């Protein structure tokens, strides 16, 4: 009996011990310090400035785990995992001597921070990963009971889709309730402005507010409209730094508008985001790329181009490549990669070498900061295209697939070619304007490492102002074999000439000599832009060969519209990429191969080692940042703030997500369920009860959540510069629905556009082009459209992730005085005109704001009308106030114009409520 009791006691004791140990383990896990949320912020804010990517005082860095745990200059590690008392880091933060205490020359850490660091080290100093650099496979949707999920007034079911479960759960944890839904007229205007950038048309608005149209049908209708692409393109063009000029000092015009039109079409066609990404980054590298796919690559030709005389082309080519690295990681990864150009990132786990590995993806493109911005895709007219097709058909019939592709490429974008500005070793010659090969009498120079492809002819693009220059090209040097000799005479502008040439099958140097005894010293015999060597057109013995060769040369000399695009170097022209010491392009060190940051998703072996492979890495469903970035920025567009408020950055210094599970759930849904469908993502968000809430605020709610971080109310935000102008034209009935084409020049004040180095000027557009949507307005980087700049649009010299929203007196001066707004006000006044002034004002207010006017506002606007009418009745001020209008208004029309203008300056007109 005693043995049985002892055995029972032992079993009970063992069970008790197991429960006790389990409780201890559970408590330990609960009390475990998290590196990402608790330790990393301390290190970044208090330690990294002296012990990070830029500085490694004492040989100690806290940027990467291996550095933090390595031995420093003292000969031992500062952090010993599992032994806080033996770790120098803990000793130093406890020091009282200011020369020894860390952080040095800064306030000491708080007791809570010291305790966290101590416990973290004792627990093993596990490094962990920042939340943004990993993506869960699945996110559970918070459950909401049937009794919960109602709005603050308890009358409306807030939960309309899964988004609301996440938002409501967070509100409930804060003891808050969401707002009731916005009134129908408010949500109709909000939705139309968000999806199309324009207020709703009257037919759609009436059908919805009268209950003849469901909210979802209205969403689908707006998403299907062509206005949708124009609105969302305006946002994307900020990211793409799209402009109609090259930038820098000269800021000459360029034809980039076909890229803008491609973006509009891509949004309207609902191109999946992964394809949208790939075509912009690497459309030229896709198999048999279409014209549209080549146009898409102009995303990275929006970089600025410096035409100023005396500049170093290579310097600005490198500047463009650096811009492309920074822009790519900003746009698709919310990563401040520009911090890594000169040193490893001070806060995020990206190394200096990784920057140049990423740069290697972009460093092999053909563009070299030349005035013609080559390579350019050429757009032939119908007759020219028939000639192109004939030449391509001939080469395809009689030549190999390789030669056929070569001629197709050369007719499409004139590549491959050798730019003459790479010539060196000048005697009696120079690079004229640092751009063009210009030799004088008895001049010489060398173009190195040229592959002539065994060609029997050389094509040369040049111009000359004098006759009778003999040009000799030798192999390698002045003693080398003569490869060609020819005479250049005066030309009418630039011409492309076909010259017999003794081709070679190996890379050689071309040694140039010029002779013209009839000219003075230091007079340039010609100005050469480029040389090309193509395998000879096949089918020489066939009838019609001569005609084909003549047609080919004629096509090369045709003046066609062009668009700068991305084209990759051929293998024999490939560039090596080297690390720049401290980011200086003149101080090159080790060579690197293309690669991606180790912190992010792995590189798959089957991907190409070029921009196409990079695009596949970016849109891989294993990439933790791509979908998150897009989702967060779309959310920002609709709500005025992102789930991660710092939409530029999802790094260790970024704001934490207000709803991390929601961000991940939307990202996974966007990739996996919607398969990168951009419209589906936007529809998910605008269908939510979160989006449909009233934006009305209360003092109590404002005190708790001033920035609407919890989304307990609907979005309220001033409209963008483009939307304000487009809305004024729309409600006045002036807005044109014409789409696409070159940029237009609507009215702007005289003298704003001062163009140097050229006779370019702002030529005011006529007819409906005056009233086209803002996305089509010509943008000169050094002198952007004034009213847009005043309302916070940028000059697009660099990628703009977020526009700063300001509130200045200048904005009121624009909407009160700009000719565009005055004309829109006059047109709205015509709509308001009639025998009953109060009725007219009410009609105008409702047309502009989609809301009924209150008695107080009606009384104020009527008083404004009467005061204005008294002033205009004498007729003296009509001419001076309305001189920009095509017709002279009557005193009554003028007074109503003032009222209409006042309506267009109201907060409810300029804001989305």
Foldseek 3Di string as FASTA:
>chain_A
DVVVVVVVVVVVVVVVVVVVVVVVVVVCVVVAFDQQPQPQVCCLVFPLVQAFWPHNVQQAHPQDPCRQQDAGNVRHHQADALCLVPHVLLVQLPDPPQVRHPPHPDDGDDPVSSVSVSSCRNNGVDNDDHPLFFFDPDFDQADDDPCDQAAPVRPHRQFLDSLSSLLRVLCVVVVHGFFAFDQLLQLQQLLLCLQQLAGDDPVLSCCRNVPVADPLRSLVVSQLDLSRLLNVLVQVCLLLLDAQFQDDDQRHGAPLQVLSQLSSVCSNVLPFPLVLLLLCLPQVPPPPRDPSSQSSVCSLVSAHFDLQFPDALQVVVVVSLLQVLQSVCQQFFLARLVCLLQTARSRFHGGVVQSLLQSLQVSQWDARRAPVLPQWFFDDDPVLVVLLVVLLVQLPVFHDPVQSVVLNVCLGGNDDWFWQLQKDDKDQWDQGSSAWTFHWAFIKIKDFFDAQQQFQKKKWKKAFQAFFKKKWKAWADPPGHTFFIDTDGGDDHIAIDIGGTRHDRGTTMIMMTMHDPPDDGSDTGITTTIMHHGHDRGDPVPPCPVVSVVSSRVSVGDDGRIHNGIDGDDPSSGDWTFRAHSNDPVRGDDTDFRDHGPSHDDQDPPADSHSSSVSCVSLPPRGSGRLLLVLQLSVCSSAVAGLFRSSSHDGSPTRDGLRVSSSSNLSSCCCPVVVSRPSVSNSVVCSRSLQRFAQDDDPVVCVVPVPCNSSSGHHKFFRALQSLLLHLCVLLVLADPDDGDAAAAADDDPPQDDRPPDPDDRDHDDDSSNRYGPSRHRQRLVRGRVLNVVQQDHSSNHNDSDTDGDDDPVNLVCLLATLSNLVSLLSLLVQLDDPDNLSSLQVSLCSQQVDGDDPVVSVVLVVQLVVQLVVCVVVPCQCVRNVSDPDGDHSNSVSSSNSSSVSSVDSSRRMSD
